Amino acid sequence: MSDIKQKIEEELQEAREVCDIKGGGSPECAAAWDAVEELQAEASHQKQVKPKNSLEKYCDDNPEAAECRIYDD
């Protein structure tokens, strides 16, 4: 399991425990669920980031190379 998935599971468990103890309408419960939502949003964002292909990696290392030049129209 990836680190972020494990962290989400941990935050979910903690949110459930906080809400059981403090009550579902408490500020602590809301904050705990906010933390879960933020982690889920980050996990979603990480899925959307596509890995760089070999040309992009090459151009990161060699921006002055002819293959990496960007021309204005």
N, C-alpha and C. Protein backbone atom coordinates (compact mmCIF):
# COMPACT_ATOMS: atom_id res chain seq x y z
N MET A 1 0.86 -1.18 0.00
CA MET A 1 0.00 0.00 0.00
C MET A 1 0.90 1.23 0.00
N SER A 2 0.54 2.21 -0.82
CA SER A 2 1.37 3.41 -0.89
C SER A 2 1.24 4.22 0.39
N ASP A 3 2.18 5.12 0.58
CA ASP A 3 2.20 5.92 1.80
C ASP A 3 0.94 6.75 1.95
N ILE A 4 0.47 7.36 0.87
CA ILE A 4 -0.69 8.23 0.98
C ILE A 4 -1.96 7.42 1.27
N LYS A 5 -2.07 6.24 0.68
CA LYS A 5 -3.23 5.39 0.97
C LYS A 5 -3.22 4.95 2.42
N GLN A 6 -2.05 4.63 2.93
CA GLN A 6 -1.93 4.23 4.33
C GLN A 6 -2.29 5.41 5.24
N LYS A 7 -1.84 6.60 4.89
CA LYS A 7 -2.14 7.79 5.68
C LYS A 7 -3.64 8.08 5.66
N ILE A 8 -4.29 7.89 4.51
CA ILE A 8 -5.74 8.09 4.42
C ILE A 8 -6.46 7.13 5.35
N GLU A 9 -6.04 5.87 5.34
CA GLU A 9 -6.66 4.87 6.22
C GLU A 9 -6.49 5.25 7.69
N GLU A 10 -5.30 5.73 8.03
CA GLU A 10 -5.05 6.14 9.41
C GLU A 10 -5.93 7.34 9.80
N GLU A 11 -6.04 8.31 8.90
CA GLU A 11 -6.86 9.49 9.17
C GLU A 11 -8.34 9.14 9.23
N LEU A 12 -8.78 8.20 8.40
CA LEU A 12 -10.17 7.74 8.46
C LEU A 12 -10.48 7.14 9.82
N GLN A 13 -9.60 6.28 10.30
CA GLN A 13 -9.79 5.65 11.60
C GLN A 13 -9.82 6.69 12.71
N GLU A 14 -8.90 7.64 12.63
CA GLU A 14 -8.84 8.70 13.65
C GLU A 14 -10.10 9.56 13.60
N ALA A 15 -10.58 9.89 12.40
CA ALA A 15 -11.79 10.71 12.27
C ALA A 15 -12.99 9.99 12.88
N ARG A 16 -13.09 8.70 12.63
CA ARG A 16 -14.19 7.93 13.21
C ARG A 16 -14.12 7.93 14.73
N GLU A 17 -12.93 7.75 15.27
CA GLU A 17 -12.76 7.73 16.72
C GLU A 17 -13.09 9.10 17.33
N VAL A 18 -12.59 10.17 16.72
CA VAL A 18 -12.85 11.52 17.23
C VAL A 18 -14.34 11.82 17.21
N CYS A 19 -15.00 11.44 16.11
CA CYS A 19 -16.43 11.73 16.01
C CYS A 19 -17.25 10.88 16.99
N ASP A 20 -16.80 9.67 17.28
CA ASP A 20 -17.49 8.85 18.28
C ASP A 20 -17.35 9.46 19.67
N ILE A 21 -16.16 9.98 19.97
CA ILE A 21 -15.90 10.54 21.30
C ILE A 21 -16.49 11.93 21.45
N LYS A 22 -16.23 12.81 20.49
CA LYS A 22 -16.62 14.22 20.60
C LYS A 22 -18.02 14.49 20.07
N GLY A 23 -18.54 13.62 19.25
CA GLY A 23 -19.85 13.84 18.64
C GLY A 23 -19.70 14.30 17.20
N GLY A 24 -20.68 13.94 16.39
CA GLY A 24 -20.62 14.21 14.96
C GLY A 24 -20.65 15.68 14.58
N GLY A 25 -21.17 16.54 15.45
CA GLY A 25 -21.26 17.95 15.12
C GLY A 25 -20.17 18.80 15.72
N SER A 26 -19.18 18.18 16.34
CA SER A 26 -18.12 18.93 17.01
C SER A 26 -17.10 19.49 16.02
N PRO A 27 -16.46 20.59 16.40
CA PRO A 27 -15.40 21.14 15.54
C PRO A 27 -14.25 20.16 15.32
N GLU A 28 -13.96 19.35 16.35
CA GLU A 28 -12.87 18.37 16.23
C GLU A 28 -13.20 17.32 15.18
N CYS A 29 -14.46 16.90 15.16
CA CYS A 29 -14.91 15.91 14.17
C CYS A 29 -14.80 16.50 12.77
N ALA A 30 -15.27 17.73 12.60
CA ALA A 30 -15.20 18.38 11.28
C ALA A 30 -13.75 18.52 10.83
N ALA A 31 -12.87 18.89 11.73
CA ALA A 31 -11.45 19.05 11.39
C ALA A 31 -10.84 17.71 10.98
N ALA A 32 -11.22 16.65 11.68
CA ALA A 32 -10.69 15.33 11.35
C ALA A 32 -11.12 14.90 9.95
N TRP A 33 -12.39 15.16 9.61
CA TRP A 33 -12.86 14.80 8.26
C TRP A 33 -12.25 15.70 7.20
N ASP A 34 -11.97 16.95 7.55
CA ASP A 34 -11.28 17.84 6.60
C ASP A 34 -9.90 17.29 6.25
N ALA A 35 -9.22 16.75 7.26
CA ALA A 35 -7.89 16.17 7.02
C ALA A 35 -7.99 14.98 6.07
N VAL A 36 -9.03 14.17 6.24
CA VAL A 36 -9.24 13.02 5.35
C VAL A 36 -9.48 13.51 3.92
N GLU A 37 -10.34 14.51 3.77
CA GLU A 37 -10.64 15.03 2.44
C GLU A 37 -9.41 15.62 1.76
N GLU A 38 -8.57 16.31 2.52
CA GLU A 38 -7.35 16.87 1.94
C GLU A 38 -6.42 15.79 1.43
N LEU A 39 -6.27 14.72 2.20
CA LEU A 39 -5.42 13.60 1.76
C LEU A 39 -6.00 12.93 0.52
N GLN A 40 -7.32 12.77 0.47
CA GLN A 40 -7.95 12.16 -0.70
C GLN A 40 -7.76 13.05 -1.93
N ALA A 41 -7.85 14.35 -1.76
CA ALA A 41 -7.62 15.27 -2.87
C ALA A 41 -6.18 15.17 -3.37
N GLU A 42 -5.24 15.08 -2.45
CA GLU A 42 -3.83 14.94 -2.83
C GLU A 42 -3.59 13.64 -3.58
N ALA A 43 -4.22 12.55 -3.12
CA ALA A 43 -4.08 11.26 -3.79
C ALA A 43 -4.63 11.35 -5.21
N SER A 44 -5.75 12.03 -5.38
CA SER A 44 -6.34 12.21 -6.71
C SER A 44 -5.42 13.03 -7.60
N HIS A 45 -4.84 14.08 -7.04
CA HIS A 45 -3.92 14.92 -7.80
C HIS A 45 -2.69 14.12 -8.26
N GLN A 46 -2.17 13.28 -7.38
CA GLN A 46 -0.99 12.49 -7.74
C GLN A 46 -1.29 11.52 -8.87
N LYS A 47 -2.52 11.04 -8.96
CA LYS A 47 -2.88 10.13 -10.05
C LYS A 47 -2.91 10.87 -11.38
N GLN A 48 -3.25 12.16 -11.35
CA GLN A 48 -3.38 12.94 -12.57
C GLN A 48 -2.04 13.37 -13.15
N VAL A 49 -1.01 13.43 -12.32
CA VAL A 49 0.31 13.86 -12.78
C VAL A 49 0.92 12.73 -13.60
N LYS A 50 1.14 13.01 -14.89
CA LYS A 50 1.68 11.96 -15.75
C LYS A 50 3.20 11.96 -15.66
N PRO A 51 3.80 10.81 -15.72
CA PRO A 51 5.26 10.73 -15.69
C PRO A 51 5.86 11.31 -16.97
N LYS A 52 7.06 11.82 -16.85
CA LYS A 52 7.74 12.41 -18.00
C LYS A 52 8.27 11.30 -18.91
N ASN A 53 8.21 11.59 -20.23
CA ASN A 53 8.78 10.64 -21.16
C ASN A 53 10.29 10.89 -21.28
N SER A 54 10.97 10.09 -22.06
CA SER A 54 12.43 10.19 -22.13
C SER A 54 12.90 11.52 -22.72
N LEU A 55 12.16 12.08 -23.70
CA LEU A 55 12.56 13.37 -24.27
C LEU A 55 12.41 14.48 -23.23
N GLU A 56 11.34 14.47 -22.45
CA GLU A 56 11.15 15.48 -21.42
C GLU A 56 12.26 15.41 -20.36
N LYS A 57 12.62 14.20 -19.98
CA LYS A 57 13.72 14.03 -19.02
C LYS A 57 15.04 14.55 -19.60
N TYR A 58 15.28 14.21 -20.88
CA TYR A 58 16.50 14.67 -21.56
C TYR A 58 16.54 16.19 -21.59
N CYS A 59 15.42 16.81 -21.93
CA CYS A 59 15.37 18.27 -22.04
C CYS A 59 15.51 18.95 -20.68
N ASP A 60 15.04 18.30 -19.63
CA ASP A 60 15.26 18.84 -18.28
C ASP A 60 16.75 18.90 -17.97
N ASP A 61 17.47 17.87 -18.41
CA ASP A 61 18.91 17.80 -18.15
C ASP A 61 19.73 18.60 -19.16
N ASN A 62 19.20 18.80 -20.37
CA ASN A 62 19.92 19.46 -21.46
C ASN A 62 19.04 20.50 -22.16
N PRO A 63 18.68 21.56 -21.50
CA PRO A 63 17.75 22.53 -22.11
C PRO A 63 18.32 23.24 -23.33
N GLU A 64 19.63 23.26 -23.48
CA GLU A 64 20.25 23.94 -24.62
C GLU A 64 20.32 23.06 -25.87
N ALA A 65 19.96 21.80 -25.77
CA ALA A 65 20.03 20.88 -26.92
C ALA A 65 19.05 21.31 -28.00
N ALA A 66 19.40 21.04 -29.25
CA ALA A 66 18.57 21.42 -30.39
C ALA A 66 17.17 20.80 -30.30
N GLU A 67 17.10 19.59 -29.82
CA GLU A 67 15.82 18.89 -29.71
C GLU A 67 14.88 19.54 -28.70
N CYS A 68 15.44 20.37 -27.83
CA CYS A 68 14.67 20.93 -26.73
C CYS A 68 14.31 22.41 -26.94
N ARG A 69 14.72 22.96 -28.05
CA ARG A 69 14.43 24.37 -28.31
C ARG A 69 12.95 24.58 -28.54
N ILE A 70 12.46 25.71 -28.05
CA ILE A 70 11.07 26.09 -28.24
C ILE A 70 11.07 27.37 -29.06
N TYR A 71 10.35 27.35 -30.16
CA TYR A 71 10.29 28.49 -31.07
C TYR A 71 8.94 29.19 -30.94
N ASP A 72 9.00 30.52 -30.99
CA ASP A 72 7.76 31.31 -31.02
C ASP A 72 7.25 31.35 -32.46
N ASP A 73 5.95 31.32 -32.60
CA ASP A 73 5.35 31.37 -33.95
C ASP A 73 5.35 32.77 -34.51
